[in-house]
PDB file of N, CA and C in Angstrom:
ATOM      1  N   MET A   1       0.625  -1.094   0.084  1.00  0.00           N
ATOM      2  CA  MET A   1      -0.031   0.197   0.136  1.00  0.00           C
ATOM      3  C   MET A   1       1.091   1.145  -0.325  1.00  0.00           C
ATOM      4  N   VAL A   2       0.335   2.232  -0.550  1.00  0.00           N
ATOM      5  CA  VAL A   2       1.293   3.426  -1.226  1.00  0.00           C
ATOM      6  C   VAL A   2       0.559   4.335  -0.715  1.00  0.00           C
ATOM      7  N   TRP A   3       0.343   5.333   0.435  1.00  0.00           N
ATOM      8  CA  TRP A   3       0.097   6.900   0.287  1.00  0.00           C
ATOM      9  C   TRP A   3       0.113   7.884  -0.364  1.00  0.00           C
ATOM     10  N   CYS A   4      -0.844   8.400  -0.737  1.00  0.00           N
ATOM     11  CA  CYS A   4      -0.764   9.442  -2.334  1.00  0.00           C
ATOM     12  C   CYS A   4      -2.138  10.353  -1.572  1.00  0.00           C
ATOM     13  N   LYS A   5      -1.741  11.713  -2.028  1.00  0.00           N
ATOM     14  CA  LYS A   5      -3.072  12.887  -2.096  1.00  0.00           C
ATOM     15  C   LYS A   5      -4.287  12.244  -2.269  1.00  0.00           C
ATOM     16  N   PRO A   6      -5.298  13.198  -1.758  1.00  0.00           N
ATOM     17  CA  PRO A   6      -6.540  12.292  -1.821  1.00  0.00           C
ATOM     18  C   PRO A   6      -7.049  12.656  -3.254  1.00  0.00           C
ATOM     19  N   ASN A   7      -7.533  12.041  -4.056  1.00  0.00           N
ATOM     20  CA  ASN A   7      -7.993  12.546  -5.694  1.00  0.00           C
ATOM     21  C   ASN A   7      -6.604  12.361  -6.947  1.00  0.00           C
ATOM     22  N   SER A   8      -5.776  11.529  -6.335  1.00  0.00           N
ATOM     23  CA  SER A   8      -4.406  11.536  -7.414  1.00  0.00           C
ATOM     24  C   SER A   8      -4.036  10.648  -7.752  1.00  0.00           C
ATOM     25  N   GLU A   9      -4.993   9.164  -6.880  1.00  0.00           N
ATOM     26  CA  GLU A   9      -4.880   7.933  -7.262  1.00  0.00           C
ATOM     27  C   GLU A   9      -4.463   7.297  -8.483  1.00  0.00           C
ATOM     28  N   LEU A  10      -5.168   8.572  -9.769  1.00  0.00           N
ATOM     29  CA  LEU A  10      -5.260   8.219 -11.303  1.00  0.00           C
ATOM     30  C   LEU A  10      -4.444   9.183 -12.007  1.00  0.00           C
ATOM     31  N   GLU A  11      -3.228   9.987 -11.418  1.00  0.00           N
ATOM     32  CA  GLU A  11      -2.379  10.560 -11.939  1.00  0.00           C
ATOM     33  C   GLU A  11      -1.669   9.285 -12.413  1.00  0.00           C
ATOM     34  N   MET A  12      -1.498   9.551 -13.806  1.00  0.00           N
ATOM     35  CA  MET A  12      -0.226   9.227 -14.153  1.00  0.00           C
ATOM     36  C   MET A  12       1.136   8.795 -13.617  1.00  0.00           C
ATOM     37  N   LYS A  13       1.362   9.471 -12.674  1.00  0.00           N
ATOM     38  CA  LYS A  13       2.885   9.556 -12.179  1.00  0.00           C
ATOM     39  C   LYS A  13       2.673   7.638 -11.232  1.00  0.00           C
ATOM     40  N   ASN A  14       0.995   7.965 -10.280  1.00  0.00           N
ATOM     41  CA  ASN A  14       0.814   6.754  -9.322  1.00  0.00           C
ATOM     42  C   ASN A  14       0.466   5.267 -10.294  1.00  0.00           C
ATOM     43  N   LEU A  15       0.514   5.366 -11.154  1.00  0.00           N
ATOM     44  CA  LEU A  15       0.109   4.174 -11.981  1.00  0.00           C
ATOM     45  C   LEU A  15       1.552   3.327 -12.452  1.00  0.00           C
ATOM     46  N   THR A  16       0.951   2.119 -12.345  1.00  0.00           N
ATOM     47  CA  THR A  16       1.997   0.923 -13.179  1.00  0.00           C
ATOM     48  C   THR A  16       1.588   0.408 -13.878  1.00  0.00           C
ATOM     49  N   PRO A  17       1.987   0.787 -15.463  1.00  0.00           N
ATOM     50  CA  PRO A  17       1.302  -0.174 -16.344  1.00  0.00           C
ATOM     51  C   PRO A  17       1.541  -1.704 -16.570  1.00  0.00           C
ATOM     52  N   SER A  18       0.923  -2.604 -16.963  1.00  0.00           N
ATOM     53  CA  SER A  18       0.636  -4.122 -16.569  1.00  0.00           C
ATOM     54  C   SER A  18      -0.079  -4.220 -17.946  1.00  0.00           C
ATOM     55  N   VAL A  19       0.538  -5.296 -18.255  1.00  0.00           N
ATOM     56  CA  VAL A  19      -0.292  -6.418 -19.438  1.00  0.00           C
ATOM     57  C   VAL A  19      -0.735  -7.577 -19.008  1.00  0.00           C
ATOM     58  N   LYS A  20      -2.378  -7.730 -18.899  1.00  0.00           N
ATOM     59  CA  LYS A  20      -2.892  -8.311 -18.627  1.00  0.00           C
ATOM     60  C   LYS A  20      -2.544 -10.496 -19.309  1.00  0.00           C
ATOM     61  N   HIS A  21      -2.880 -11.343 -18.718  1.00  0.00           N
ATOM     62  CA  HIS A  21      -2.732 -12.630 -19.696  1.00  0.00           C
ATOM     63  C   HIS A  21      -1.293 -12.370 -20.268  1.00  0.00           C
ATOM     64  N   GLY A  22      -0.181 -11.964 -19.542  1.00  0.00           N
ATOM     65  CA  GLY A  22       0.645 -12.171 -19.820  1.00  0.00           C
ATOM     66  C   GLY A  22       1.866 -11.303 -21.056  1.00  0.00           C
ATOM     67  N   GLY A  23       0.756 -11.371 -22.277  1.00  0.00           N
ATOM     68  CA  GLY A  23       0.747 -10.463 -23.527  1.00  0.00           C
ATOM     69  C   GLY A  23       1.747 -11.382 -24.288  1.00  0.00           C
ATOM     70  N   GLY A  24       1.918 -10.903 -25.758  1.00  0.00           N
ATOM     71  CA  GLY A  24       2.306 -11.374 -26.504  1.00  0.00           C
ATOM     72  C   GLY A  24       1.885 -12.752 -26.929  1.00  0.00           C
ATOM     73  N   SER A  25       2.180 -13.167 -27.778  1.00  0.00           N
ATOM     74  CA  SER A  25       1.865 -14.992 -28.273  1.00  0.00           C
ATOM     75  C   SER A  25       2.923 -14.919 -29.597  1.00  0.00           C
ATOM     76  N   GLN A  26       2.560 -16.747 -29.430  1.00  0.00           N
ATOM     77  CA  GLN A  26       3.353 -17.575 -30.303  1.00  0.00           C
ATOM     78  C   GLN A  26       3.031 -18.413 -30.978  1.00  0.00           C
ATOM     79  N   MET A  27       2.870 -18.329 -33.197  1.00  0.00           N
ATOM     80  CA  MET A  27       2.444 -19.007 -33.289  1.00  0.00           C
ATOM     81  C   MET A  27       3.425 -20.393 -33.550  1.00  0.00           C
ATOM     82  N   VAL A  28       2.785 -21.275 -33.595  1.00  0.00           N
ATOM     83  CA  VAL A  28       3.256 -22.828 -34.253  1.00  0.00           C
ATOM     84  C   VAL A  28       2.645 -23.750 -35.663  1.00  0.00           C
ATOM     85  N   TRP A  29       3.365 -24.425 -36.020  1.00  0.00           N
ATOM     86  CA  TRP A  29       2.947 -25.454 -37.248  1.00  0.00           C
ATOM     87  C   TRP A  29       3.125 -26.710 -36.870  1.00  0.00           C
ATOM     88  N   GLY A  30       2.362 -27.718 -36.517  1.00  0.00           N
ATOM     89  CA  GLY A  30       2.441 -28.516 -36.030  1.00  0.00           C
ATOM     90  C   GLY A  30       1.888 -30.132 -36.828  1.00  0.00           C
ATOM     91  N   CYS A  31       1.764 -31.051 -36.493  1.00  0.00           N
ATOM     92  CA  CYS A  31       1.180 -32.209 -37.097  1.00  0.00           C
ATOM     93  C   CYS A  31       1.080 -33.515 -35.917  1.00  0.00           C
ATOM     94  N   MET A  32       0.154 -34.116 -36.248  1.00  0.00           N
ATOM     95  CA  MET A  32       0.315 -35.223 -34.974  1.00  0.00           C
ATOM     96  C   MET A  32      -0.444 -36.192 -35.315  1.00  0.00           C
ATOM     97  N   SER A  33      -0.506 -37.547 -35.608  1.00  0.00           N
ATOM     98  CA  SER A  33      -1.618 -38.766 -35.408  1.00  0.00           C
ATOM     99  C   SER A  33      -1.935 -39.647 -34.210  1.00  0.00           C
ATOM    100  N   ALA A  34      -2.297 -40.435 -35.059  1.00  0.00           N
ATOM    101  CA  ALA A  34      -3.037 -41.237 -33.836  1.00  0.00           C
ATOM    102  C   ALA A  34      -1.824 -42.195 -33.073  1.00  0.00           C
ATOM    103  N   VAL A  35      -0.236 -42.729 -33.904  1.00  0.00           N
ATOM    104  CA  VAL A  35       0.867 -43.081 -33.744  1.00  0.00           C
ATOM    105  C   VAL A  35       1.693 -42.150 -33.105  1.00  0.00           C
ATOM    106  N   GLY A  36       1.227 -40.910 -32.754  1.00  0.00           N
ATOM    107  CA  GLY A  36       2.762 -39.717 -32.628  1.00  0.00           C
ATOM    108  C   GLY A  36       2.704 -38.541 -32.810  1.00  0.00           C
ATOM    109  N   VAL A  37       3.269 -37.876 -32.808  1.00  0.00           N
ATOM    110  CA  VAL A  37       3.982 -36.082 -33.084  1.00  0.00           C
ATOM    111  C   VAL A  37       4.896 -36.179 -33.665  1.00  0.00           C
ATOM    112  N   GLY A  38       4.317 -35.315 -35.035  1.00  0.00           N
ATOM    113  CA  GLY A  38       5.539 -34.466 -36.022  1.00  0.00           C
ATOM    114  C   GLY A  38       6.389 -33.872 -35.256  1.00  0.00           C
ATOM    115  N   ASN A  39       6.680 -32.603 -36.426  1.00  0.00           N
ATOM    116  CA  ASN A  39       7.744 -31.704 -35.711  1.00  0.00           C
ATOM    117  C   ASN A  39       7.195 -30.599 -35.038  1.00  0.00           C
ATOM    118  N   LEU A  40       7.521 -29.915 -34.481  1.00  0.00           N
ATOM    119  CA  LEU A  40       6.313 -28.726 -34.418  1.00  0.00           C
ATOM    120  C   LEU A  40       7.234 -27.438 -34.973  1.00  0.00           C
ATOM    121  N   HIS A  41       6.985 -26.637 -35.402  1.00  0.00           N
ATOM    122  CA  HIS A  41       7.977 -25.356 -36.286  1.00  0.00           C
ATOM    123  C   HIS A  41       7.204 -24.635 -35.735  1.00  0.00           C
ATOM    124  N   PHE A  42       8.648 -23.375 -34.841  1.00  0.00           N
ATOM    125  CA  PHE A  42       7.937 -22.602 -34.904  1.00  0.00           C
ATOM    126  C   PHE A  42       7.842 -20.929 -35.859  1.00  0.00           C
ATOM    127  N   ILE A  43       7.047 -20.248 -35.887  1.00  0.00           N
ATOM    128  CA  ILE A  43       6.992 -19.160 -36.803  1.00  0.00           C
ATOM    129  C   ILE A  43       6.932 -17.868 -35.949  1.00  0.00           C
ATOM    130  N   ASP A  44       8.436 -16.981 -37.101  1.00  0.00           N
ATOM    131  CA  ASP A  44       8.710 -15.781 -36.360  1.00  0.00           C
ATOM    132  C   ASP A  44       7.345 -14.355 -37.190  1.00  0.00           C
ATOM    133  N   GLY A  45       7.504 -14.395 -36.741  1.00  0.00           N
ATOM    134  CA  GLY A  45       6.534 -12.635 -37.837  1.00  0.00           C
ATOM    135  C   GLY A  45       4.949 -13.351 -38.334  1.00  0.00           C
ATOM    136  N   ILE A  46       4.758 -12.331 -39.371  1.00  0.00           N
ATOM    137  CA  ILE A  46       3.635 -12.925 -40.524  1.00  0.00           C
ATOM    138  C   ILE A  46       3.710 -13.949 -41.197  1.00  0.00           C
ATOM    139  N   MET A  47       3.028 -14.878 -41.157  1.00  0.00           N
ATOM    140  CA  MET A  47       2.719 -15.721 -42.448  1.00  0.00           C
ATOM    141  C   MET A  47       2.116 -15.593 -43.053  1.00  0.00           C
ATOM    142  N   ASP A  48       2.791 -15.911 -44.368  1.00  0.00           N
ATOM    143  CA  ASP A  48       2.006 -15.905 -45.758  1.00  0.00           C
ATOM    144  C   ASP A  48       1.786 -16.868 -46.540  1.00  0.00           C
ATOM    145  N   LYS A  49       2.067 -17.306 -47.431  1.00  0.00           N
ATOM    146  CA  LYS A  49       1.587 -18.207 -48.428  1.00  0.00           C
ATOM    147  C   LYS A  49       2.604 -18.639 -48.553  1.00  0.00           C
ATOM    148  N   TYR A  50       4.194 -18.490 -49.156  1.00  0.00           N
ATOM    149  CA  TYR A  50       5.405 -18.228 -49.068  1.00  0.00           C
ATOM    150  C   TYR A  50       6.345 -19.683 -47.796  1.00  0.00           C
ATOM    151  N   MET A  51       5.295 -19.117 -46.838  1.00  0.00           N
ATOM    152  CA  MET A  51       6.048 -19.197 -45.082  1.00  0.00           C
ATOM    153  C   MET A  51       5.278 -20.315 -45.319  1.00  0.00           C
ATOM    154  N   TYR A  52       4.335 -20.743 -45.621  1.00  0.00           N
ATOM    155  CA  TYR A  52       3.549 -21.505 -45.357  1.00  0.00           C
ATOM    156  C   TYR A  52       4.069 -22.574 -45.891  1.00  0.00           C
ATOM    157  N   LEU A  53       4.422 -22.268 -47.544  1.00  0.00           N
ATOM    158  CA  LEU A  53       4.987 -23.673 -48.826  1.00  0.00           C
ATOM    159  C   LEU A  53       6.355 -24.265 -48.157  1.00  0.00           C
ATOM    160  N   ASP A  54       6.797 -23.176 -47.600  1.00  0.00           N
ATOM    161  CA  ASP A  54       8.221 -23.427 -47.071  1.00  0.00           C
ATOM    162  C   ASP A  54       8.001 -24.324 -45.924  1.00  0.00           C
ATOM    163  N   ILE A  55       7.761 -24.193 -44.819  1.00  0.00           N
ATOM    164  CA  ILE A  55       7.085 -25.444 -43.461  1.00  0.00           C
ATOM    165  C   ILE A  55       6.178 -26.472 -44.208  1.00  0.00           C
ATOM    166  N   LEU A  56       6.031 -26.410 -44.856  1.00  0.00           N
ATOM    167  CA  LEU A  56       5.599 -27.949 -45.876  1.00  0.00           C
ATOM    168  C   LEU A  56       6.458 -28.739 -46.106  1.00  0.00           C
ATOM    169  N   LYS A  57       7.131 -27.806 -47.069  1.00  0.00           N
ATOM    170  CA  LYS A  57       8.544 -28.769 -48.050  1.00  0.00           C
ATOM    171  C   LYS A  57       9.243 -28.982 -46.780  1.00  0.00           C
ATOM    172  N   GLN A  58       9.502 -28.306 -45.327  1.00  0.00           N
ATOM    173  CA  GLN A  58      10.605 -28.823 -44.345  1.00  0.00           C
ATOM    174  C   GLN A  58      10.405 -29.749 -43.913  1.00  0.00           C
ATOM    175  N   ASN A  59       8.873 -29.587 -43.371  1.00  0.00           N
ATOM    176  CA  ASN A  59       8.102 -30.389 -42.294  1.00  0.00           C
ATOM    177  C   ASN A  59       7.636 -31.771 -42.749  1.00  0.00           C
ATOM    178  N   TRP A  60       6.837 -31.542 -43.695  1.00  0.00           N
ATOM    179  CA  TRP A  60       5.440 -32.234 -43.598  1.00  0.00           C
ATOM    180  C   TRP A  60       6.072 -34.085 -43.828  1.00  0.00           C
ATOM    181  N   LYS A  61       6.651 -34.217 -45.191  1.00  0.00           N
ATOM    182  CA  LYS A  61       6.951 -35.605 -45.121  1.00  0.00           C
ATOM    183  C   LYS A  61       8.390 -35.994 -44.112  1.00  0.00           C
ATOM    184  N   GLN A  62       8.457 -34.795 -43.478  1.00  0.00           N
ATOM    185  CA  GLN A  62       9.867 -35.795 -42.341  1.00  0.00           C
ATOM    186  C   GLN A  62       8.781 -35.592 -41.213  1.00  0.00           C
ATOM    187  N   SER A  63       7.764 -35.068 -41.265  1.00  0.00           N
ATOM    188  CA  SER A  63       6.896 -36.060 -39.821  1.00  0.00           C
ATOM    189  C   SER A  63       6.380 -37.010 -40.066  1.00  0.00           C
ATOM    190  N   ALA A  64       6.149 -37.305 -41.418  1.00  0.00           N
ATOM    191  CA  ALA A  64       5.473 -38.352 -41.874  1.00  0.00           C
ATOM    192  C   ALA A  64       6.107 -39.647 -41.858  1.00  0.00           C
ATOM    193  N   GLU A  65       7.152 -39.633 -42.413  1.00  0.00           N
ATOM    194  CA  GLU A  65       8.034 -40.657 -42.037  1.00  0.00           C
ATOM    195  C   GLU A  65       8.743 -40.972 -40.492  1.00  0.00           C
ATOM    196  N   LYS A  66       8.985 -40.109 -39.860  1.00  0.00           N
ATOM    197  CA  LYS A  66       8.728 -39.799 -38.287  1.00  0.00           C
ATOM    198  C   LYS A  66       8.197 -40.739 -37.730  1.00  0.00           C
ATOM    199  N   MET A  67       6.457 -40.506 -38.059  1.00  0.00           N
ATOM    200  CA  MET A  67       5.439 -41.093 -37.440  1.00  0.00           C
ATOM    201  C   MET A  67       5.722 -42.605 -37.706  1.00  0.00           C
ATOM    202  N   GLY A  68       5.598 -43.001 -39.067  1.00  0.00           N
ATOM    203  CA  GLY A  68       6.122 -44.194 -39.710  1.00  0.00           C
ATOM    204  C   GLY A  68       3.975 -44.514 -40.289  1.00  0.00           C
ATOM    205  N   ILE A  69       3.801 -42.848 -41.219  1.00  0.00           N
ATOM    206  CA  ILE A  69       2.962 -43.155 -41.812  1.00  0.00           C
ATOM    207  C   ILE A  69       2.585 -42.842 -42.944  1.00  0.00           C
ATOM    208  N   LEU A  70       3.910 -43.238 -43.730  1.00  0.00           N
ATOM    209  CA  LEU A  70       3.703 -42.662 -45.554  1.00  0.00           C
ATOM    210  C   LEU A  70       3.288 -44.530 -45.721  1.00  0.00           C
ATOM    211  N   PRO A  71       3.346 -44.277 -46.927  1.00  0.00           N
ATOM    212  CA  PRO A  71       2.384 -43.025 -47.859  1.00  0.00           C
ATOM    213  C   PRO A  71       1.298 -43.475 -48.024  1.00  0.00           C
ATOM    214  N   HIS A  72       0.588 -43.611 -46.790  1.00  0.00           N
ATOM    215  CA  HIS A  72      -0.903 -43.300 -46.561  1.00  0.00           C
ATOM    216  C   HIS A  72      -1.347 -42.256 -45.276  1.00  0.00           C
ATOM    217  N   TYR A  73      -1.166 -41.266 -45.578  1.00  0.00           N
ATOM    218  CA  TYR A  73      -1.452 -40.296 -44.383  1.00  0.00           C
ATOM    219  C   TYR A  73      -2.582 -38.937 -45.073  1.00  0.00           C
ATOM    220  N   LYS A  74      -3.439 -38.597 -44.328  1.00  0.00           N
ATOM    221  CA  LYS A  74      -3.926 -37.369 -45.331  1.00  0.00           C
ATOM    222  C   LYS A  74      -3.732 -35.973 -44.193  1.00  0.00           C
ATOM    223  N   LEU A  75      -3.627 -35.159 -45.221  1.00  0.00           N
ATOM    224  CA  LEU A  75      -3.497 -33.809 -44.379  1.00  0.00           C
ATOM    225  C   LEU A  75      -5.150 -32.739 -44.570  1.00  0.00           C
ATOM    226  N   TYR A  76      -4.964 -32.543 -43.269  1.00  0.00           N
ATOM    227  CA  TYR A  76      -6.252 -32.002 -43.005  1.00  0.00           C
ATOM    228  C   TYR A  76      -6.080 -30.358 -42.855  1.00  0.00           C
ATOM    229  N   GLN A  77      -6.691 -28.961 -43.297  1.00  0.00           N
ATOM    230  CA  GLN A  77      -6.255 -27.478 -42.981  1.00  0.00           C
ATOM    231  C   GLN A  77      -7.631 -27.130 -43.661  1.00  0.00           C
ATOM    232  N   ASP A  78      -7.601 -26.082 -42.947  1.00  0.00           N
ATOM    233  CA  ASP A  78      -9.111 -25.263 -42.895  1.00  0.00           C
ATOM    234  C   ASP A  78      -8.781 -24.597 -44.314  1.00  0.00           C
ATOM    235  N   SER A  79      -9.795 -23.061 -44.373  1.00  0.00           N
ATOM    236  CA  SER A  79      -9.925 -22.830 -45.748  1.00  0.00           C
ATOM    237  C   SER A  79      -9.442 -21.207 -45.607  1.00  0.00           C
ATOM    238  N   ASP A  80      -8.154 -21.351 -44.666  1.00  0.00           N
ATOM    239  CA  ASP A  80      -7.406 -20.083 -44.440  1.00  0.00           C
ATOM    240  C   ASP A  80      -6.509 -19.757 -46.034  1.00  0.00           C
ATOM    241  N   PRO A  81      -6.485 -18.693 -45.646  1.00  0.00           N
ATOM    242  CA  PRO A  81      -6.165 -18.163 -47.711  1.00  0.00           C
ATOM    243  C   PRO A  81      -4.863 -18.829 -47.639  1.00  0.00           C
ATOM    244  N   LYS A  82      -4.124 -18.845 -46.730  1.00  0.00           N
ATOM    245  CA  LYS A  82      -2.519 -19.224 -47.098  1.00  0.00           C
ATOM    246  C   LYS A  82      -2.903 -21.163 -47.756  1.00  0.00           C
ATOM    247  N   HIS A  83      -3.317 -21.693 -46.926  1.00  0.00           N
ATOM    248  CA  HIS A  83      -3.759 -22.770 -47.496  1.00  0.00           C
ATOM    249  C   HIS A  83      -4.352 -23.151 -48.851  1.00  0.00           C
ATOM    250  N   ASN A  84      -5.409 -21.986 -48.919  1.00  0.00           N
ATOM    251  CA  ASN A  84      -5.786 -22.181 -50.689  1.00  0.00           C
ATOM    252  C   ASN A  84      -5.326 -21.355 -51.439  1.00  0.00           C
ATOM    253  N   ALA A  85      -3.804 -20.542 -51.266  1.00  0.00           N
ATOM    254  CA  ALA A  85      -3.268 -19.988 -51.892  1.00  0.00           C
ATOM    255  C   ALA A  85      -2.791 -21.070 -53.575  1.00  0.00           C
ATOM    256  N   HIS A  86      -2.610 -20.802 -54.656  1.00  0.00           N
ATOM    257  CA  HIS A  86      -2.677 -21.124 -55.623  1.00  0.00           C
ATOM    258  C   HIS A  86      -1.093 -22.264 -55.818  1.00  0.00           C
ATOM    259  N   ILE A  87       0.134 -21.593 -55.042  1.00  0.00           N
ATOM    260  CA  ILE A  87       1.191 -22.615 -55.148  1.00  0.00           C
ATOM    261  C   ILE A  87       1.099 -23.552 -54.154  1.00  0.00           C
ATOM    262  N   CYS A  88       0.538 -23.749 -53.106  1.00  0.00           N
ATOM    263  CA  CYS A  88       0.791 -24.364 -51.837  1.00  0.00           C
ATOM    264  C   CYS A  88      -0.145 -25.301 -52.532  1.00  0.00           C
ATOM    265  N   ARG A  89      -1.880 -25.118 -53.263  1.00  0.00           N
ATOM    266  CA  ARG A  89      -2.506 -25.788 -53.458  1.00  0.00           C
ATOM    267  C   ARG A  89      -2.225 -27.160 -54.634  1.00  0.00           C
ATOM    268  N   LEU A  90      -0.944 -26.098 -55.472  1.00  0.00           N
ATOM    269  CA  LEU A  90      -0.473 -27.158 -56.310  1.00  0.00           C
ATOM    270  C   LEU A  90       0.786 -28.132 -55.684  1.00  0.00           C
ATOM    271  N   TRP A  91       1.566 -27.559 -54.720  1.00  0.00           N
ATOM    272  CA  TRP A  91       2.461 -28.636 -54.198  1.00  0.00           C
ATOM    273  C   TRP A  91       1.657 -29.833 -53.124  1.00  0.00           C
ATOM    274  N   VAL A  92       0.838 -29.020 -52.760  1.00  0.00           N
ATOM    275  CA  VAL A  92       0.116 -30.409 -51.860  1.00  0.00           C
ATOM    276  C   VAL A  92      -0.817 -31.700 -52.702  1.00  0.00           C
ATOM    277  N   LEU A  93      -0.975 -30.551 -54.008  1.00  0.00           N
ATOM    278  CA  LEU A  93      -1.871 -31.575 -54.861  1.00  0.00           C
ATOM    279  C   LEU A  93      -0.505 -32.887 -55.133  1.00  0.00           C
ATOM    280  N   TYR A  94       0.613 -32.062 -55.582  1.00  0.00           N
ATOM    281  CA  TYR A  94       1.868 -33.595 -55.873  1.00  0.00           C
ATOM    282  C   TYR A  94       2.305 -34.142 -55.115  1.00  0.00           C
ATOM    283  N   HIS A  95       2.156 -33.902 -53.541  1.00  0.00           N
ATOM    284  CA  HIS A  95       2.952 -33.963 -52.735  1.00  0.00           C
ATOM    285  C   HIS A  95       2.266 -35.267 -51.513  1.00  0.00           C
ATOM    286  N   CYS A  96       1.000 -34.760 -51.422  1.00  0.00           N
ATOM    287  CA  CYS A  96       0.019 -35.442 -50.642  1.00  0.00           C
ATOM    288  C   CYS A  96      -0.598 -36.166 -51.097  1.00  0.00           C
ATOM    289  N   PRO A  97      -1.068 -37.426 -50.830  1.00  0.00           N
ATOM    290  CA  PRO A  97      -2.216 -38.350 -51.472  1.00  0.00           C
ATOM    291  C   PRO A  97      -3.729 -38.161 -51.192  1.00  0.00           C
ATOM    292  N   GLN A  98      -3.988 -37.369 -50.205  1.00  0.00           N
ATOM    293  CA  GLN A  98      -5.293 -37.247 -49.771  1.00  0.00           C
ATOM    294  C   GLN A  98      -5.639 -35.707 -48.681  1.00  0.00           C
ATOM    295  N   VAL A  99      -6.467 -34.279 -49.024  1.00  0.00           N
ATOM    296  CA  VAL A  99      -6.479 -33.595 -48.458  1.00  0.00           C
ATOM    297  C   VAL A  99      -7.744 -33.256 -48.112  1.00  0.00           C
ATOM    298  N   ILE A 100      -7.988 -33.715 -47.128  1.00  0.00           N
ATOM    299  CA  ILE A 100      -9.212 -32.995 -46.391  1.00  0.00           C
ATOM    300  C   ILE A 100      -9.728 -31.225 -45.611  1.00  0.00           C
ATOM    301  N   ARG A 101     -10.407 -30.461 -46.565  1.00  0.00           N
ATOM    302  CA  ARG A 101     -10.215 -29.569 -45.816  1.00  0.00           C
ATOM    303  C   ARG A 101     -11.287 -29.197 -45.035  1.00  0.00           C
ATOM    304  N   THR A 102     -11.397 -28.668 -43.832  1.00  0.00           N
ATOM    305  CA  THR A 102     -12.071 -28.364 -43.195  1.00  0.00           C
ATOM    306  C   THR A 102     -12.544 -26.936 -42.677  1.00  0.00           C
ATOM    307  N   PRO A 103     -13.611 -26.736 -42.366  1.00  0.00           N
ATOM    308  CA  PRO A 103     -14.068 -24.746 -42.537  1.00  0.00           C
ATOM    309  C   PRO A 103     -12.840 -23.949 -41.607  1.00  0.00           C
ATOM    310  N   ALA A 104     -13.298 -23.040 -41.342  1.00  0.00           N
ATOM    311  CA  ALA A 104     -12.176 -22.389 -40.745  1.00  0.00           C
ATOM    312  C   ALA A 104     -12.212 -22.399 -39.185  1.00  0.00           C
TER     313      ALA A 104
END
């Protein structure tokens, strides 16, 4: 408890700024199956279609091999614009045996 003059408790010099609930955030890409988990990729900055495509190229097949689900795996993704970008859809068409799209 701190003493201050009457009616001065809301002056800026008497307030301490704080961030509720910890502040900040972290975005990750990951995959899982009934037999285990695959890679977890931490994303720096704002993800666009090119970054999403790079993440798929670096992690998708490696994760499927790690979990032992090659060649019978399915890619589940929602209708995010990055997922539906032309370059991502083409890559997925040639590299994933089956794609299941769900609403956002």
